[in-house]
Amino acid sequence: FNIESALGKSWKGQSLTDDTTFCKVLLESKYVALVPGSAFMADGNVRISYSNSEEEIREGMRRFKEFLSELA
């Protein structure tokens, strides 16, 4: 999932400088765990796991969307 449009923005004063920081802030703020794409030589992207139940995936995506809407 490409997150380049979110990089350079901030969440409640925390600057999202790269995909690793993006994932860290998302995990700490919304309890949603994504894998930074830079771990797979795909900077500016994140990986999403589909190994959870459909209900958990839907809730995680809701929180992810909420996080994106709060970026400044």
PDB file of N, CA and C in Angstrom:
ATOM      1  N   PHE A   1       0.856  -1.156   0.000  1.00  0.00           N
ATOM      2  CA  PHE A   1       0.000   0.000   0.000  1.00  0.00           C
ATOM      3  C   PHE A   1       0.907   1.225   0.000  1.00  0.00           C
ATOM      4  N   ASN A   2       0.756   2.095  -0.968  1.00  0.00           N
ATOM      5  CA  ASN A   2       1.617   3.267  -1.096  1.00  0.00           C
ATOM      6  C   ASN A   2       1.151   4.380  -0.157  1.00  0.00           C
ATOM      7  N   ILE A   3       2.070   4.887   0.670  1.00  0.00           N
ATOM      8  CA  ILE A   3       1.743   5.945   1.634  1.00  0.00           C
ATOM      9  C   ILE A   3       2.528   7.224   1.372  1.00  0.00           C
ATOM     10  N   GLU A   4       3.122   7.344   0.197  1.00  0.00           N
ATOM     11  CA  GLU A   4       3.969   8.505  -0.082  1.00  0.00           C
ATOM     12  C   GLU A   4       3.241   9.829   0.104  1.00  0.00           C
ATOM     13  N   SER A   5       1.936   9.875  -0.168  1.00  0.00           N
ATOM     14  CA  SER A   5       1.196  11.135  -0.008  1.00  0.00           C
ATOM     15  C   SER A   5       1.047  11.530   1.459  1.00  0.00           C
ATOM     16  N   ALA A   6       1.232  10.585   2.382  1.00  0.00           N
ATOM     17  CA  ALA A   6       1.136  10.883   3.810  1.00  0.00           C
ATOM     18  C   ALA A   6       2.483  11.296   4.406  1.00  0.00           C
ATOM     19  N   LEU A   7       3.562  10.948   3.736  1.00  0.00           N
ATOM     20  CA  LEU A   7       4.886  11.278   4.263  1.00  0.00           C
ATOM     21  C   LEU A   7       5.125  12.776   4.161  1.00  0.00           C
ATOM     22  N   GLY A   8       5.748  13.317   5.194  1.00  0.00           N
ATOM     23  CA  GLY A   8       5.952  14.758   5.279  1.00  0.00           C
ATOM     24  C   GLY A   8       4.856  15.445   6.069  1.00  0.00           C
ATOM     25  N   LYS A   9       3.770  14.722   6.324  1.00  0.00           N
ATOM     26  CA  LYS A   9       2.696  15.265   7.151  1.00  0.00           C
ATOM     27  C   LYS A   9       2.991  14.915   8.599  1.00  0.00           C
ATOM     28  N   SER A  10       2.093  15.315   9.499  1.00  0.00           N
ATOM     29  CA  SER A  10       2.295  14.992  10.908  1.00  0.00           C
ATOM     30  C   SER A  10       0.989  14.531  11.528  1.00  0.00           C
ATOM     31  N   TRP A  11       1.127  13.786  12.620  1.00  0.00           N
ATOM     32  CA  TRP A  11      -0.013  13.336  13.410  1.00  0.00           C
ATOM     33  C   TRP A  11       0.209  13.845  14.822  1.00  0.00           C
ATOM     34  N   LYS A  12      -0.629  14.779  15.237  1.00  0.00           N
ATOM     35  CA  LYS A  12      -0.550  15.370  16.579  1.00  0.00           C
ATOM     36  C   LYS A  12       0.882  15.769  16.940  1.00  0.00           C
ATOM     37  N   GLY A  13       1.537  16.450  16.010  1.00  0.00           N
ATOM     38  CA  GLY A  13       2.881  16.962  16.243  1.00  0.00           C
ATOM     39  C   GLY A  13       4.012  16.005  15.925  1.00  0.00           C
ATOM     40  N   GLN A  14       3.702  14.761  15.608  1.00  0.00           N
ATOM     41  CA  GLN A  14       4.738  13.782  15.270  1.00  0.00           C
ATOM     42  C   GLN A  14       4.903  13.740  13.751  1.00  0.00           C
ATOM     43  N   SER A  15       6.067  14.105  13.280  1.00  0.00           N
ATOM     44  CA  SER A  15       6.337  14.158  11.846  1.00  0.00           C
ATOM     45  C   SER A  15       6.501  12.754  11.267  1.00  0.00           C
ATOM     46  N   LEU A  16       5.834  12.518  10.155  1.00  0.00           N
ATOM     47  CA  LEU A  16       5.903  11.223   9.473  1.00  0.00           C
ATOM     48  C   LEU A  16       6.915  11.340   8.335  1.00  0.00           C
ATOM     49  N   THR A  17       8.159  11.070   8.657  1.00  0.00           N
ATOM     50  CA  THR A  17       9.253  11.297   7.718  1.00  0.00           C
ATOM     51  C   THR A  17       9.506  10.135   6.768  1.00  0.00           C
ATOM     52  N   ASP A  18       9.130   8.925   7.180  1.00  0.00           N
ATOM     53  CA  ASP A  18       9.372   7.747   6.344  1.00  0.00           C
ATOM     54  C   ASP A  18       8.378   6.649   6.707  1.00  0.00           C
ATOM     55  N   ASP A  19       8.418   5.546   5.974  1.00  0.00           N
ATOM     56  CA  ASP A  19       7.447   4.483   6.206  1.00  0.00           C
ATOM     57  C   ASP A  19       7.612   3.817   7.575  1.00  0.00           C
ATOM     58  N   THR A  20       8.832   3.764   8.084  1.00  0.00           N
ATOM     59  CA  THR A  20       9.060   3.172   9.405  1.00  0.00           C
ATOM     60  C   THR A  20       8.424   4.031  10.494  1.00  0.00           C
ATOM     61  N   THR A  21       8.616   5.324  10.424  1.00  0.00           N
ATOM     62  CA  THR A  21       8.005   6.240  11.392  1.00  0.00           C
ATOM     63  C   THR A  21       6.489   6.194  11.272  1.00  0.00           C
ATOM     64  N   PHE A  22       5.986   6.162  10.057  1.00  0.00           N
ATOM     65  CA  PHE A  22       4.547   6.072   9.820  1.00  0.00           C
ATOM     66  C   PHE A  22       3.972   4.855  10.552  1.00  0.00           C
ATOM     67  N   CYS A  23       4.592   3.691  10.369  1.00  0.00           N
ATOM     68  CA  CYS A  23       4.109   2.463  11.004  1.00  0.00           C
ATOM     69  C   CYS A  23       4.192   2.544  12.527  1.00  0.00           C
ATOM     70  N   LYS A  24       5.267   3.128  13.040  1.00  0.00           N
ATOM     71  CA  LYS A  24       5.448   3.257  14.491  1.00  0.00           C
ATOM     72  C   LYS A  24       4.364   4.144  15.096  1.00  0.00           C
ATOM     73  N   VAL A  25       4.104   5.288  14.481  1.00  0.00           N
ATOM     74  CA  VAL A  25       3.092   6.212  15.003  1.00  0.00           C
ATOM     75  C   VAL A  25       1.701   5.588  14.893  1.00  0.00           C
ATOM     76  N   LEU A  26       1.413   4.919  13.794  1.00  0.00           N
ATOM     77  CA  LEU A  26       0.117   4.251  13.630  1.00  0.00           C
ATOM     78  C   LEU A  26      -0.079   3.180  14.699  1.00  0.00           C
ATOM     79  N   LEU A  27       0.944   2.386  14.962  1.00  0.00           N
ATOM     80  CA  LEU A  27       0.858   1.340  15.983  1.00  0.00           C
ATOM     81  C   LEU A  27       0.627   1.938  17.368  1.00  0.00           C
ATOM     82  N   GLU A  28       1.391   2.968  17.712  1.00  0.00           N
ATOM     83  CA  GLU A  28       1.284   3.570  19.038  1.00  0.00           C
ATOM     84  C   GLU A  28      -0.016   4.341  19.239  1.00  0.00           C
ATOM     85  N   SER A  29      -0.572   4.879  18.169  1.00  0.00           N
ATOM     86  CA  SER A  29      -1.767   5.714  18.310  1.00  0.00           C
ATOM     87  C   SER A  29      -3.072   4.966  18.092  1.00  0.00           C
ATOM     88  N   LYS A  30      -3.084   4.025  17.154  1.00  0.00           N
ATOM     89  CA  LYS A  30      -4.332   3.346  16.785  1.00  0.00           C
ATOM     90  C   LYS A  30      -4.269   1.835  16.974  1.00  0.00           C
ATOM     91  N   TYR A  31      -3.130   1.329  17.441  1.00  0.00           N
ATOM     92  CA  TYR A  31      -2.937  -0.109  17.672  1.00  0.00           C
ATOM     93  C   TYR A  31      -3.146  -0.934  16.403  1.00  0.00           C
ATOM     94  N   VAL A  32      -2.677  -0.383  15.288  1.00  0.00           N
ATOM     95  CA  VAL A  32      -2.724  -1.079  14.004  1.00  0.00           C
ATOM     96  C   VAL A  32      -1.282  -1.329  13.575  1.00  0.00           C
ATOM     97  N   ALA A  33      -0.941  -2.596  13.366  1.00  0.00           N
ATOM     98  CA  ALA A  33       0.424  -2.959  13.001  1.00  0.00           C
ATOM     99  C   ALA A  33       0.533  -3.205  11.501  1.00  0.00           C
ATOM    100  N   LEU A  34       1.392  -2.419  10.859  1.00  0.00           N
ATOM    101  CA  LEU A  34       1.736  -2.602   9.455  1.00  0.00           C
ATOM    102  C   LEU A  34       3.241  -2.812   9.377  1.00  0.00           C
ATOM    103  N   VAL A  35       3.712  -3.347   8.277  1.00  0.00           N
ATOM    104  CA  VAL A  35       5.142  -3.564   8.088  1.00  0.00           C
ATOM    105  C   VAL A  35       5.671  -2.513   7.119  1.00  0.00           C
ATOM    106  N   PRO A  36       6.720  -1.785   7.501  1.00  0.00           N
ATOM    107  CA  PRO A  36       7.285  -0.787   6.588  1.00  0.00           C
ATOM    108  C   PRO A  36       7.784  -1.446   5.299  1.00  0.00           C
ATOM    109  N   GLY A  37       7.463  -0.849   4.185  1.00  0.00           N
ATOM    110  CA  GLY A  37       7.920  -1.372   2.903  1.00  0.00           C
ATOM    111  C   GLY A  37       9.426  -1.327   2.755  1.00  0.00           C
ATOM    112  N   SER A  38      10.074  -0.408   3.461  1.00  0.00           N
ATOM    113  CA  SER A  38      11.535  -0.299   3.367  1.00  0.00           C
ATOM    114  C   SER A  38      12.226  -1.590   3.809  1.00  0.00           C
ATOM    115  N   ALA A  39      11.551  -2.413   4.594  1.00  0.00           N
ATOM    116  CA  ALA A  39      12.110  -3.706   4.993  1.00  0.00           C
ATOM    117  C   ALA A  39      12.206  -4.651   3.798  1.00  0.00           C
ATOM    118  N   PHE A  40      11.492  -4.319   2.725  1.00  0.00           N
ATOM    119  CA  PHE A  40      11.466  -5.139   1.512  1.00  0.00           C
ATOM    120  C   PHE A  40      11.931  -4.344   0.291  1.00  0.00           C
ATOM    121  N   MET A  41      12.737  -3.316   0.543  1.00  0.00           N
ATOM    122  CA  MET A  41      13.257  -2.447  -0.520  1.00  0.00           C
ATOM    123  C   MET A  41      12.131  -1.758  -1.296  1.00  0.00           C
ATOM    124  N   ALA A  42      11.070  -1.368  -0.577  1.00  0.00           N
ATOM    125  CA  ALA A  42       9.931  -0.670  -1.184  1.00  0.00           C
ATOM    126  C   ALA A  42       9.598   0.551  -0.335  1.00  0.00           C
ATOM    127  N   ASP A  43      10.545   1.482  -0.246  1.00  0.00           N
ATOM    128  CA  ASP A  43      10.349   2.697   0.549  1.00  0.00           C
ATOM    129  C   ASP A  43       9.059   3.401   0.142  1.00  0.00           C
ATOM    130  N   GLY A  44       8.388   4.002   1.126  1.00  0.00           N
ATOM    131  CA  GLY A  44       7.160   4.744   0.849  1.00  0.00           C
ATOM    132  C   GLY A  44       5.929   3.873   0.743  1.00  0.00           C
ATOM    133  N   ASN A  45       6.070   2.610   1.129  1.00  0.00           N
ATOM    134  CA  ASN A  45       4.954   1.669   1.105  1.00  0.00           C
ATOM    135  C   ASN A  45       4.853   0.965   2.449  1.00  0.00           C
ATOM    136  N   VAL A  46       3.709   0.334   2.685  1.00  0.00           N
ATOM    137  CA  VAL A  46       3.522  -0.507   3.863  1.00  0.00           C
ATOM    138  C   VAL A  46       2.889  -1.818   3.422  1.00  0.00           C
ATOM    139  N   ARG A  47       3.090  -2.843   4.215  1.00  0.00           N
ATOM    140  CA  ARG A  47       2.471  -4.142   3.954  1.00  0.00           C
ATOM    141  C   ARG A  47       1.410  -4.393   5.010  1.00  0.00           C
ATOM    142  N   ILE A  48       0.314  -4.961   4.549  1.00  0.00           N
ATOM    143  CA  ILE A  48      -0.820  -5.269   5.413  1.00  0.00           C
ATOM    144  C   ILE A  48      -0.968  -6.782   5.483  1.00  0.00           C
ATOM    145  N   SER A  49      -1.145  -7.326   6.686  1.00  0.00           N
ATOM    146  CA  SER A  49      -1.344  -8.763   6.859  1.00  0.00           C
ATOM    147  C   SER A  49      -2.835  -9.084   6.836  1.00  0.00           C
ATOM    148  N   TYR A  50      -3.167 -10.142   6.142  1.00  0.00           N
ATOM    149  CA  TYR A  50      -4.558 -10.582   6.076  1.00  0.00           C
ATOM    150  C   TYR A  50      -4.769 -11.867   6.867  1.00  0.00           C
ATOM    151  N   SER A  51      -3.934 -12.128   7.853  1.00  0.00           N
ATOM    152  CA  SER A  51      -4.018 -13.375   8.605  1.00  0.00           C
ATOM    153  C   SER A  51      -4.998 -13.306   9.771  1.00  0.00           C
ATOM    154  N   ASN A  52      -5.620 -12.164   9.982  1.00  0.00           N
ATOM    155  CA  ASN A  52      -6.609 -12.015  11.048  1.00  0.00           C
ATOM    156  C   ASN A  52      -8.001 -12.321  10.519  1.00  0.00           C
ATOM    157  N   SER A  53      -8.969 -12.308  11.416  1.00  0.00           N
ATOM    158  CA  SER A  53     -10.353 -12.527  11.000  1.00  0.00           C
ATOM    159  C   SER A  53     -10.834 -11.334  10.175  1.00  0.00           C
ATOM    160  N   GLU A  54     -11.871 -11.546   9.400  1.00  0.00           N
ATOM    161  CA  GLU A  54     -12.413 -10.460   8.581  1.00  0.00           C
ATOM    162  C   GLU A  54     -12.852  -9.291   9.455  1.00  0.00           C
ATOM    163  N   GLU A  55     -13.433  -9.577  10.604  1.00  0.00           N
ATOM    164  CA  GLU A  55     -13.873  -8.524  11.529  1.00  0.00           C
ATOM    165  C   GLU A  55     -12.686  -7.688  12.009  1.00  0.00           C
ATOM    166  N   GLU A  56     -11.591  -8.353  12.363  1.00  0.00           N
ATOM    167  CA  GLU A  56     -10.398  -7.631  12.824  1.00  0.00           C
ATOM    168  C   GLU A  56      -9.777  -6.802  11.698  1.00  0.00           C
ATOM    169  N   ILE A  57      -9.796  -7.325  10.495  1.00  0.00           N
ATOM    170  CA  ILE A  57      -9.264  -6.575   9.353  1.00  0.00           C
ATOM    171  C   ILE A  57     -10.106  -5.331   9.111  1.00  0.00           C
ATOM    172  N   ARG A  58     -11.417  -5.482   9.157  1.00  0.00           N
ATOM    173  CA  ARG A  58     -12.307  -4.326   8.966  1.00  0.00           C
ATOM    174  C   ARG A  58     -12.060  -3.257  10.032  1.00  0.00           C
ATOM    175  N   GLU A  59     -11.906  -3.684  11.281  1.00  0.00           N
ATOM    176  CA  GLU A  59     -11.649  -2.731  12.365  1.00  0.00           C
ATOM    177  C   GLU A  59     -10.293  -2.055  12.175  1.00  0.00           C
ATOM    178  N   GLY A  60      -9.294  -2.816  11.796  1.00  0.00           N
ATOM    179  CA  GLY A  60      -7.978  -2.238  11.541  1.00  0.00           C
ATOM    180  C   GLY A  60      -8.008  -1.226  10.409  1.00  0.00           C
ATOM    181  N   MET A  61      -8.747  -1.526   9.358  1.00  0.00           N
ATOM    182  CA  MET A  61      -8.859  -0.597   8.232  1.00  0.00           C
ATOM    183  C   MET A  61      -9.631   0.657   8.638  1.00  0.00           C
ATOM    184  N   ARG A  62     -10.625   0.499   9.513  1.00  0.00           N
ATOM    185  CA  ARG A  62     -11.365   1.663  10.009  1.00  0.00           C
ATOM    186  C   ARG A  62     -10.420   2.584  10.776  1.00  0.00           C
ATOM    187  N   ARG A  63      -9.589   1.996  11.636  1.00  0.00           N
ATOM    188  CA  ARG A  63      -8.623   2.781  12.412  1.00  0.00           C
ATOM    189  C   ARG A  63      -7.564   3.415  11.510  1.00  0.00           C
ATOM    190  N   PHE A  64      -7.136   2.681  10.499  1.00  0.00           N
ATOM    191  CA  PHE A  64      -6.158   3.194   9.539  1.00  0.00           C
ATOM    192  C   PHE A  64      -6.735   4.405   8.812  1.00  0.00           C
ATOM    193  N   LYS A  65      -7.967   4.306   8.367  1.00  0.00           N
ATOM    194  CA  LYS A  65      -8.643   5.417   7.685  1.00  0.00           C
ATOM    195  C   LYS A  65      -8.776   6.618   8.623  1.00  0.00           C
ATOM    196  N   GLU A  66      -9.136   6.347   9.876  1.00  0.00           N
ATOM    197  CA  GLU A  66      -9.257   7.414  10.871  1.00  0.00           C
ATOM    198  C   GLU A  66      -7.911   8.126  11.052  1.00  0.00           C
ATOM    199  N   PHE A  67      -6.845   7.352  11.155  1.00  0.00           N
ATOM    200  CA  PHE A  67      -5.494   7.903  11.297  1.00  0.00           C
ATOM    201  C   PHE A  67      -5.165   8.820  10.122  1.00  0.00           C
ATOM    202  N   LEU A  68      -5.419   8.350   8.912  1.00  0.00           N
ATOM    203  CA  LEU A  68      -5.133   9.152   7.719  1.00  0.00           C
ATOM    204  C   LEU A  68      -5.920  10.456   7.717  1.00  0.00           C
ATOM    205  N   SER A  69      -7.156  10.408   8.206  1.00  0.00           N
ATOM    206  CA  SER A  69      -7.986  11.620   8.219  1.00  0.00           C
ATOM    207  C   SER A  69      -7.501  12.643   9.245  1.00  0.00           C
ATOM    208  N   GLU A  70      -6.695  12.210  10.209  1.00  0.00           N
ATOM    209  CA  GLU A  70      -6.200  13.094  11.262  1.00  0.00           C
ATOM    210  C   GLU A  70      -4.836  13.708  10.938  1.00  0.00           C
ATOM    211  N   LEU A  71      -4.271  13.383   9.794  1.00  0.00           N
ATOM    212  CA  LEU A  71      -2.956  13.921   9.436  1.00  0.00           C
ATOM    213  C   LEU A  71      -3.052  15.385   9.055  1.00  0.00           C
ATOM    214  N   ALA A  72      -2.029  16.135   9.439  1.00  0.00           N
ATOM    215  CA  ALA A  72      -1.988  17.570   9.108  1.00  0.00           C
ATOM    216  C   ALA A  72      -0.791  17.865   8.234  1.00  0.00           C
TER     217      ALA A  72
END
